[in-house]
C-alpha atoms as a PDB file:
ATOM      1  CA  MET A   1     176.156  67.376 -89.819  1.00  0.00           C
ATOM      2  CA  VAL A   2     176.022  64.341 -87.648  1.00  0.00           C
ATOM      3  CA  ILE A   3     176.523  62.026 -90.596  1.00  0.00           C
ATOM      4  CA  ALA A   4     179.490  64.097 -91.764  1.00  0.00           C
ATOM      5  CA  VAL A   5     181.139  63.958 -88.278  1.00  0.00           C
ATOM      6  CA  ILE A   6     180.681  60.067 -88.132  1.00  0.00           C
ATOM      7  CA  ALA A   7     182.132  59.728 -91.629  1.00  0.00           C
ATOM      8  CA  LEU A   8     185.081  61.792 -90.537  1.00  0.00           C
ATOM      9  CA  ILE A   9     185.606  59.686 -87.389  1.00  0.00           C
ATOM     10  CA  MET A  10     185.334  56.477 -89.414  1.00  0.00           C
ATOM     11  CA  SER A  11     187.857  57.811 -91.862  1.00  0.00           C
ATOM     12  CA  ILE A  12     190.277  58.313 -89.011  1.00  0.00           C
ATOM     13  CA  LEU A  13     189.755  55.099 -87.284  1.00  0.00           C
ATOM     14  CA  LEU A  14     189.433  52.529 -90.115  1.00  0.00           C
ATOM     15  CA  PRO A  15     193.121  52.838 -91.225  1.00  0.00           C
ATOM     16  CA  ALA A  16     194.181  52.557 -87.535  1.00  0.00           C
ATOM     17  CA  LEU A  17     192.042  49.444 -87.171  1.00  0.00           C
ATOM     18  CA  ARG A  18     193.439  47.879 -90.245  1.00  0.00           C
ATOM     19  CA  ARG A  19     197.074  48.605 -89.170  1.00  0.00           C
ATOM     20  CA  ALA A  20     196.201  47.075 -85.757  1.00  0.00           C
ATOM     21  CA  ARG A  21     194.765  43.971 -87.358  1.00  0.00           C
ATOM     22  CA  ASN A  22     197.698  43.564 -89.624  1.00  0.00           C
ATOM     23  CA  THR A  23     200.060  43.901 -86.667  1.00  0.00           C
ATOM     24  CA  ALA A  24     198.204  41.182 -84.861  1.00  0.00           C
ATOM     25  CA  ASN A  25     198.171  38.861 -87.818  1.00  0.00           C
ATOM     26  CA  ARG A  26     201.886  39.205 -88.173  1.00  0.00           C
ATOM     27  CA  LEU A  27     202.423  38.527 -84.492  1.00  0.00           C
ATOM     28  CA  ILE A  28     200.276  35.356 -84.561  1.00  0.00           C
ATOM     29  CA  CYS A  29     202.165  34.224 -87.622  1.00  0.00           C
ATOM     30  CA  SER A  30     205.448  34.841 -85.967  1.00  0.00           C
ATOM     31  CA  THR A  31     204.322  32.943 -82.851  1.00  0.00           C
ATOM     32  CA  ASN A  32     203.373  30.016 -85.041  1.00  0.00           C
ATOM     33  CA  MET A  33     206.891  30.020 -86.552  1.00  0.00           C
ATOM     34  CA  ASN A  34     208.444  30.167 -83.086  1.00  0.00           C
ATOM     35  CA  GLN A  35     206.522  27.080 -82.265  1.00  0.00           C
ATOM     36  CA  ILE A  36     207.617  25.302 -85.383  1.00  0.00           C
ATOM     37  CA  SER A  37     211.258  26.245 -84.605  1.00  0.00           C
ATOM     38  CA  LEU A  38     210.993  24.591 -81.280  1.00  0.00           C
ATOM     39  CA  ALA A  39     209.289  21.605 -82.695  1.00  0.00           C
ATOM     40  CA  LEU A  40     212.035  21.192 -85.306  1.00  0.00           C
ATOM     41  CA  ARG A  41     214.700  21.269 -82.711  1.00  0.00           C
ATOM     42  CA  ALA A  42     212.801  18.697 -80.551  1.00  0.00           C
ATOM     43  CA  TYR A  43     212.397  16.424 -83.688  1.00  0.00           C
ATOM     44  CA  ALA A  44     216.138  16.867 -84.337  1.00  0.00           C
ATOM     45  CA  ALA A  45     216.953  15.819 -80.751  1.00  0.00           C
ATOM     46  CA  ASP A  46     215.040  12.598 -81.489  1.00  0.00           C
ATOM     47  CA  ASN A  47     216.538  11.967 -84.888  1.00  0.00           C
ATOM     48  CA  SER A  48     220.344  12.607 -84.707  1.00  0.00           C
ATOM     49  CA  ASP A  49     220.187  16.260 -85.313  1.00  0.00           C
ATOM     50  CA  LYS A  50     218.461  15.983 -88.574  1.00  0.00           C
ATOM     51  CA  VAL A  51     216.198  18.730 -90.002  1.00  0.00           C
ATOM     52  CA  ILE A  52     212.868  17.135 -90.997  1.00  0.00           C
ATOM     53  CA  HIS A  53     212.653  16.847 -94.718  1.00  0.00           C
ATOM     54  CA  ALA A  54     210.591  19.306 -96.690  1.00  0.00           C
ATOM     55  CA  GLY A  55     207.979  16.931 -98.074  1.00  0.00           C
ATOM     56  CA  GLU A  56     205.721  17.558-101.085  1.00  0.00           C
ATOM     57  CA  ILE A  57     202.124  18.090 -99.961  1.00  0.00           C
ATOM     58  CA  LEU A  58     200.878  18.580-103.458  1.00  0.00           C
ATOM     59  CA  TYR A  59     201.770  15.016-104.488  1.00  0.00           C
ATOM     60  CA  THR A  60     200.913  13.155-101.359  1.00  0.00           C
ATOM     61  CA  HIS A  61     198.491  10.255-101.556  1.00  0.00           C
ATOM     62  CA  SER A  62     198.643   7.714 -98.880  1.00  0.00           C
ATOM     63  CA  ALA A  63     198.086   8.174 -95.137  1.00  0.00           C
ATOM     64  CA  GLN A  64     201.842   6.835 -94.673  1.00  0.00           C
ATOM     65  CA  GLU A  65     202.985   9.759 -96.929  1.00  0.00           C
ATOM     66  CA  VAL A  66     200.886  12.239 -95.070  1.00  0.00           C
ATOM     67  CA  ARG A  67     202.480  11.245 -91.701  1.00  0.00           C
ATOM     68  CA  MET A  68     205.889  12.026 -93.117  1.00  0.00           C
ATOM     69  CA  LEU A  69     204.817  15.609 -93.940  1.00  0.00           C
ATOM     70  CA  TRP A  70     206.602  18.114 -91.648  1.00  0.00           C
ATOM     71  CA  ASN A  71     203.175  19.724 -90.738  1.00  0.00           C
ATOM     72  CA  ILE A  72     201.953  16.333 -89.479  1.00  0.00           C
ATOM     73  CA  ALA A  73     205.264  14.824 -88.041  1.00  0.00           C
ATOM     74  CA  LEU A  74     205.764  17.843 -85.814  1.00  0.00           C
ATOM     75  CA  LEU A  75     202.270  17.960 -84.195  1.00  0.00           C
ATOM     76  CA  PRO A  76     203.259  15.706 -81.277  1.00  0.00           C
ATOM     77  CA  TYR A  77     206.134  18.084 -80.466  1.00  0.00           C
ATOM     78  CA  VAL A  78     203.664  20.914 -79.897  1.00  0.00           C
ATOM     79  CA  ASP A  79     201.170  18.750 -77.857  1.00  0.00           C
ATOM     80  CA  VAL A  80     198.637  18.516 -80.694  1.00  0.00           C
ATOM     81  CA  ARG A  81     197.059  15.051 -80.998  1.00  0.00           C
ATOM     82  CA  VAL A  82     197.235  13.446 -84.371  1.00  0.00           C
ATOM     83  CA  GLU A  83     193.633  12.744 -85.365  1.00  0.00           C
ATOM     84  CA  THR A  84     192.371   9.782 -87.573  1.00  0.00           C
ATOM     85  CA  ASP A  85     191.842  12.608 -90.099  1.00  0.00           C
ATOM     86  CA  LEU A  86     195.561  13.412 -90.145  1.00  0.00           C
ATOM     87  CA  LEU A  87     195.077  16.919 -91.365  1.00  0.00           C
ATOM     88  CA  LYS A  88     192.376  17.953 -89.011  1.00  0.00           C
ATOM     89  CA  ASN A  89     194.459  19.723 -86.398  1.00  0.00           C
ATOM     90  CA  ALA A  90     197.350  20.543 -88.849  1.00  0.00           C
ATOM     91  CA  ALA A  91     195.292  23.353 -90.406  1.00  0.00           C
ATOM     92  CA  GLN A  92     194.536  24.960 -87.083  1.00  0.00           C
ATOM     93  CA  THR A  93     198.162  24.788 -85.876  1.00  0.00           C
ATOM     94  CA  TRP A  94     200.058  25.969 -88.823  1.00  0.00           C
ATOM     95  CA  PHE A  95     197.930  28.704 -90.451  1.00  0.00           C
ATOM     96  CA  CYS A  96     198.545  32.393 -90.802  1.00  0.00           C
ATOM     97  CA  PRO A  97     195.427  34.461 -90.182  1.00  0.00           C
ATOM     98  CA  ALA A  98     196.486  36.806 -93.014  1.00  0.00           C
ATOM     99  CA  ASP A  99     196.491  33.970 -95.547  1.00  0.00           C
ATOM    100  CA  LYS A 100     193.015  34.125 -96.860  1.00  0.00           C
ATOM    101  CA  ASP A 101     193.519  32.418-100.133  1.00  0.00           C
ATOM    102  CA  PRO A 102     191.310  29.209-100.510  1.00  0.00           C
ATOM    103  CA  TYR A 103     194.038  27.163-102.112  1.00  0.00           C
ATOM    104  CA  PRO A 104     195.313  24.625-101.752  1.00  0.00           C
ATOM    105  CA  LEU A 105     192.029  23.607 -99.817  1.00  0.00           C
ATOM    106  CA  GLY A 106     190.828  20.711-101.882  1.00  0.00           C
ATOM    107  CA  PHE A 107     193.648  21.243-104.444  1.00  0.00           C
ATOM    108  CA  LYS A 108     194.464  18.408-106.852  1.00  0.00           C
ATOM    109  CA  PHE A 109     194.316  15.033-105.029  1.00  0.00           C
ATOM    110  CA  ASN A 110     192.993  15.035-101.384  1.00  0.00           C
ATOM    111  CA  PRO A 111     190.947  17.666 -99.585  1.00  0.00           C
ATOM    112  CA  HIS A 112     192.862  19.911 -97.187  1.00  0.00           C
ATOM    113  CA  THR A 113     196.136  18.287 -98.553  1.00  0.00           C
ATOM    114  CA  GLY A 114     198.191  21.361 -98.255  1.00  0.00           C
ATOM    115  CA  MET A 115     196.359  23.322 -95.358  1.00  0.00           C
ATOM    116  CA  THR A 116     199.329  25.217 -94.157  1.00  0.00           C
ATOM    117  CA  SER A 117     200.631  28.759 -94.585  1.00  0.00           C
ATOM    118  CA  TYR A 118     204.228  27.800 -94.238  1.00  0.00           C
ATOM    119  CA  ALA A 119     206.924  26.053 -96.364  1.00  0.00           C
ATOM    120  CA  LEU A 120     210.279  24.592 -95.504  1.00  0.00           C
ATOM    121  CA  ASN A 121     213.261  25.788 -97.478  1.00  0.00           C
ATOM    122  CA  GLY A 122     214.478  22.558 -98.909  1.00  0.00           C
ATOM    123  CA  TYR A 123     214.327  19.879-101.744  1.00  0.00           C
ATOM    124  CA  HIS A 124     215.678  16.393-101.626  1.00  0.00           C
ATOM    125  CA  GLU A 125     215.566  13.914-104.584  1.00  0.00           C
ATOM    126  CA  ASN A 126     217.507  11.012-105.795  1.00  0.00           C
ATOM    127  CA  THR A 127     218.904  11.323-109.134  1.00  0.00           C
ATOM    128  CA  GLN A 128     220.989   9.228-111.617  1.00  0.00           C
ATOM    129  CA  THR A 129     222.653  12.250-112.974  1.00  0.00           C
ATOM    130  CA  ASN A 130     226.425  11.812-111.990  1.00  0.00           C
ATOM    131  CA  GLY A 131     225.212   9.383-109.223  1.00  0.00           C
ATOM    132  CA  ARG A 132     224.288  12.234-106.940  1.00  0.00           C
ATOM    133  CA  ASN A 133     221.439  13.428-104.846  1.00  0.00           C
ATOM    134  CA  VAL A 134     219.831  16.819-105.295  1.00  0.00           C
ATOM    135  CA  ARG A 135     219.922  18.462-101.766  1.00  0.00           C
ATOM    136  CA  LEU A 136     218.875  22.032-101.430  1.00  0.00           C
ATOM    137  CA  GLY A 137     218.289  24.043 -98.253  1.00  0.00           C
ATOM    138  CA  PRO A 138     218.094  22.874 -94.671  1.00  0.00           C
ATOM    139  CA  GLY A 139     215.090  20.729 -95.372  1.00  0.00           C
ATOM    140  CA  GLY A 140     217.034  18.914 -98.136  1.00  0.00           C
ATOM    141  CA  GLY A 141     218.390  16.176 -95.943  1.00  0.00           C
ATOM    142  CA  TYR A 142     220.802  18.125 -93.766  1.00  0.00           C
ATOM    143  CA  LYS A 143     221.560  18.255 -90.087  1.00  0.00           C
ATOM    144  CA  PHE A 144     221.343  21.424 -87.948  1.00  0.00           C
ATOM    145  CA  SER A 145     225.225  21.228 -87.472  1.00  0.00           C
ATOM    146  CA  GLN A 146     225.736  21.198 -91.273  1.00  0.00           C
ATOM    147  CA  ILE A 147     224.135  24.595 -91.817  1.00  0.00           C
ATOM    148  CA  PRO A 148     227.224  26.976 -91.996  1.00  0.00           C
ATOM    149  CA  SER A 149     225.437  30.322 -91.141  1.00  0.00           C
ATOM    150  CA  PRO A 150     222.251  29.507 -89.205  1.00  0.00           C
ATOM    151  CA  ALA A 151     221.478  33.161 -88.404  1.00  0.00           C
ATOM    152  CA  ASP A 152     221.453  34.081 -92.087  1.00  0.00           C
ATOM    153  CA  CYS A 153     219.830  30.862 -93.527  1.00  0.00           C
ATOM    154  CA  MET A 154     216.131  30.652 -94.027  1.00  0.00           C
ATOM    155  CA  MET A 155     214.504  27.668 -92.520  1.00  0.00           C
ATOM    156  CA  MET A 156     210.874  28.463 -93.432  1.00  0.00           C
ATOM    157  CA  GLY A 157     208.801  31.115 -95.216  1.00  0.00           C
ATOM    158  CA  GLU A 158     205.210  31.849 -95.855  1.00  0.00           C
ATOM    159  CA  THR A 159     203.127  30.245 -98.549  1.00  0.00           C
ATOM    160  CA  SER A 160     199.779  28.655 -99.254  1.00  0.00           C
ATOM    161  CA  TYR A 161     200.804  26.830-102.340  1.00  0.00           C
ATOM    162  CA  ALA A 162     203.199  24.074-101.261  1.00  0.00           C
ATOM    163  CA  SER A 163     205.148  22.620 -98.217  1.00  0.00           C
ATOM    164  CA  GLN A 164     208.589  23.348 -99.635  1.00  0.00           C
ATOM    165  CA  PHE A 165     210.257  25.995-101.755  1.00  0.00           C
ATOM    166  CA  TYR A 166     213.586  26.653-103.221  1.00  0.00           C
ATOM    167  CA  ASP A 167     215.343  28.767-105.878  1.00  0.00           C
ATOM    168  CA  ASN A 168     214.853  26.844-109.126  1.00  0.00           C
ATOM    169  CA  GLN A 169     216.898  29.354-111.180  1.00  0.00           C
ATOM    170  CA  ALA A 170     220.169  28.716-109.116  1.00  0.00           C
ATOM    171  CA  PRO A 171     222.827  27.232-111.542  1.00  0.00           C
ATOM    172  CA  GLN A 172     223.309  24.226-109.299  1.00  0.00           C
ATOM    173  CA  THR A 173     219.674  23.169-109.791  1.00  0.00           C
ATOM    174  CA  GLY A 174     219.194  23.781-113.515  1.00  0.00           C
ATOM    175  CA  LYS A 175     220.882  20.634-114.868  1.00  0.00           C
ATOM    176  CA  TYR A 176     218.713  18.402-112.746  1.00  0.00           C
ATOM    177  CA  ASN A 177     215.456  19.672-114.188  1.00  0.00           C
ATOM    178  CA  ILE A 178     213.876  20.323-110.821  1.00  0.00           C
ATOM    179  CA  ARG A 179     210.134  20.877-111.008  1.00  0.00           C
ATOM    180  CA  ASN A 180     208.974  24.536-110.869  1.00  0.00           C
ATOM    181  CA  ASP A 181     206.177  24.067-108.389  1.00  0.00           C
ATOM    182  CA  GLY A 182     208.451  24.721-105.469  1.00  0.00           C
ATOM    183  CA  HIS A 183     210.163  27.736-106.995  1.00  0.00           C
ATOM    184  CA  HIS A 184     210.092  30.641-104.723  1.00  0.00           C
ATOM    185  CA  ARG A 185     208.325  32.939-107.361  1.00  0.00           C
ATOM    186  CA  MET A 186     205.446  30.553-107.084  1.00  0.00           C
ATOM    187  CA  THR A 187     205.367  30.018-103.438  1.00  0.00           C
ATOM    188  CA  SER A 188     206.425  33.207-101.457  1.00  0.00           C
ATOM    189  CA  GLY A 189     203.481  34.579 -99.520  1.00  0.00           C
ATOM    190  CA  PHE A 190     203.891  38.341 -98.934  1.00  0.00           C
ATOM    191  CA  TYR A 191     200.758  38.627 -96.844  1.00  0.00           C
ATOM    192  CA  HIS A 192     201.837  41.406 -94.339  1.00  0.00           C
ATOM    193  CA  ASP A 193     201.712  44.659 -96.211  1.00  0.00           C
ATOM    194  CA  GLY A 194     204.303  43.460 -98.880  1.00  0.00           C
ATOM    195  CA  SER A 195     206.440  41.458 -96.418  1.00  0.00           C
ATOM    196  CA  MET A 196     206.549  37.802 -95.216  1.00  0.00           C
ATOM    197  CA  ASN A 197     207.631  36.375 -92.058  1.00  0.00           C
ATOM    198  CA  VAL A 198     210.924  34.204 -92.316  1.00  0.00           C
ATOM    199  CA  LEU A 199     212.027  31.687 -89.802  1.00  0.00           C
ATOM    200  CA  TYR A 200     215.776  31.503 -89.681  1.00  0.00           C
ATOM    201  CA  THR A 201     217.743  28.258 -88.853  1.00  0.00           C
ATOM    202  CA  ASP A 202     218.910  29.567 -85.575  1.00  0.00           C
ATOM    203  CA  GLY A 203     215.282  30.142 -84.415  1.00  0.00           C
ATOM    204  CA  HIS A 204     214.620  33.874 -84.754  1.00  0.00           C
ATOM    205  CA  VAL A 205     211.871  35.271 -86.905  1.00  0.00           C
ATOM    206  CA  LYS A 206     211.761  38.499 -88.726  1.00  0.00           C
ATOM    207  CA  ALA A 207     209.746  40.152 -91.445  1.00  0.00           C
ATOM    208  CA  PHE A 208     211.419  40.084 -94.918  1.00  0.00           C
ATOM    209  CA  ARG A 209     210.291  42.643 -97.380  1.00  0.00           C
ATOM    210  CA  GLY A 210     210.371  41.241-100.926  1.00  0.00           C
ATOM    211  CA  ILE A 211     212.158  42.707-103.830  1.00  0.00           C
ATOM    212  CA  ASP A 212     210.054  44.469-106.431  1.00  0.00           C
ATOM    213  CA  CYS A 213     210.237  42.747-109.876  1.00  0.00           C
ATOM    214  CA  GLU A 214     208.223  42.343-113.109  1.00  0.00           C
ATOM    215  CA  LYS A 215     205.636  39.561-113.100  1.00  0.00           C
ATOM    216  CA  GLU A 216     207.053  36.312-114.457  1.00  0.00           C
ATOM    217  CA  ASP A 217     204.235  34.388-115.956  1.00  0.00           C
ATOM    218  CA  ARG A 218     206.268  31.327-116.569  1.00  0.00           C
ATOM    219  CA  TRP A 219     206.599  30.653-112.789  1.00  0.00           C
ATOM    220  CA  ILE A 220     202.993  31.131-111.962  1.00  0.00           C
ATOM    221  CA  PRO A 221     200.472  28.429-112.512  1.00  0.00           C
ATOM    222  CA  PRO A 222     197.350  29.747-114.279  1.00  0.00           C
ATOM    223  CA  LYS A 223     195.053  28.398-111.469  1.00  0.00           C
ATOM    224  CA  PHE A 224     196.784  30.584-108.939  1.00  0.00           C
ATOM    225  CA  ASP A 225     197.352  33.679-111.081  1.00  0.00           C
ATOM    226  CA  ASN A 226     194.223  35.367-109.562  1.00  0.00           C
ATOM    227  CA  GLY A 227     194.665  34.211-106.118  1.00  0.00           C
ATOM    228  CA  LYS A 228     194.398  37.437-104.096  1.00  0.00           C
ATOM    229  CA  HIS A 229     196.297  36.288-101.048  1.00  0.00           C
ATOM    230  CA  MET A 230     198.432  33.607-102.651  1.00  0.00           C
ATOM    231  CA  PHE A 231     201.434  35.840-103.118  1.00  0.00           C
ATOM    232  CA  SER A 232     202.299  39.219-104.466  1.00  0.00           C
ATOM    233  CA  PRO A 233     203.522  38.785-108.190  1.00  0.00           C
ATOM    234  CA  GLU A 234     205.364  42.014-107.880  1.00  0.00           C
ATOM    235  CA  LEU A 235     207.589  40.867-105.087  1.00  0.00           C
ATOM    236  CA  ARG A 236     210.144  37.950-104.892  1.00  0.00           C
ATOM    237  CA  LEU A 237     212.729  36.758-102.556  1.00  0.00           C
ATOM    238  CA  GLN A 238     216.454  37.325-103.233  1.00  0.00           C
ATOM    239  CA  THR A 239     217.881  34.426-105.321  1.00  0.00           C
ATOM    240  CA  ALA A 240     220.593  31.992-104.353  1.00  0.00           C
ATOM    241  CA  GLN A 241     222.904  33.811-106.846  1.00  0.00           C
ATOM    242  CA  GLU A 242     222.262  37.054-104.854  1.00  0.00           C
ATOM    243  CA  ASN A 243     222.654  35.546-101.411  1.00  0.00           C
ATOM    244  CA  LYS A 244     223.456  31.863-100.988  1.00  0.00           C
ATOM    245  CA  SER A 245     223.702  31.970 -97.157  1.00  0.00           C
ATOM    246  CA  PHE A 246     219.941  32.898 -97.155  1.00  0.00           C
ATOM    247  CA  TRP A 247     219.141  29.656 -98.924  1.00  0.00           C
ATOM    248  CA  GLY A 248     221.666  27.536 -97.276  1.00  0.00           C
ATOM    249  CA  PRO A 249     223.518  24.479 -98.402  1.00  0.00           C
ATOM    250  CA  GLY A 250     223.237  22.878-101.809  1.00  0.00           C
ATOM    251  CA  TYR A 251     222.988  26.143-103.779  1.00  0.00           C
END
């Protein structure tokens, strides 16, 4: 009888505890994004209103390149000392507690190269095609004043795969053969009961519930296909064709 009562109590309490933990994780994540938003604005104040570029963590080699990554460059703006090991404190500062996936810890080139749970919305690349640059999203080389609808435009979302993401299926990007590794179907991290925190360009943060979809194998690298917390293959963000203001300039 005692065991049955204990089992009954546990069956009632465990779901409540799980919900409380999930809520706490979401709040911590949202607080991180609020810090990032303030740091982005402080960085812009020192750099002619520019949004910091969405760098490519996965392909970073030298210490100089690492210093240019947003998650390193913004550390002084949140009073975090940049260590000799450039990524030592970055992981502690920009990490969502609900992101339990081991990647990209030790992924590809350098250990801890991508230790952040967040990615800037943006892509910037020089191209010879028509003599133009590819500039997507706020982090694609724009200023805050150039974002037409800051309350609707995503500045940052959750991911444990890369430091930038974008909608690679948008018609404006196809002709440039942009790599798939930043495509939002690879990178979106729906860690919070099927939703992800999104930081908008005006500074507010809200949970964004993904759109159910069929699994798209062509957008998912095999190494990450079984990542339990990498992202939810059944969910995706709205595309630039569905909502251009969500993705911002360049789409």
